[in-house]
């Protein structure tokens, strides 16, 4: 990777998520590729879900940050397949979420091929503050559709959790 392309990748990867500003597009695995084009750079991203309302802000912020870094021509490409999964969140991203008091999703550990349907209660979400698995979901949706609200029975603290996809 050329120095120019590596710098563009660094700028794009460091773009904060507008809904979870403590993590970056690189941390979340939303950033798929940065390529050099004849006129500048092209950045490929995958939204966390196809109807993500933050995509307009993400693309505008990416374009602005790359322009500010000296790239006059920036193309933002959106790739929907393969679909984003919470498995793409990096270890550092999971640690940043936990540090911010948001429970990161557990790795899905998905088998290849069709995903089996599992009915019943979802496994408990560990409290990001004290680590206790003795928690209760208080609302299926938090500030955004990709998060749920919980309360820890051990320490009493409320917290958000990123839903596993």
Foldseek 3Di string as FASTA:
>chain_A
DDPLQVVLVVQQQQDAQPVGRLHGQQQQLQWDDWDADPQFIETEGEDQDPPDPSPVVSVVSSVVSSVVVPTVDYHYHYDPPPHRWSLSRDPVNQVSCLVVFEQEDDRPPADPDDGDDDDDDDQATAGSPPRDSQKAFPACDDPHNQKTWMAHPPPGDIGIYGDGD
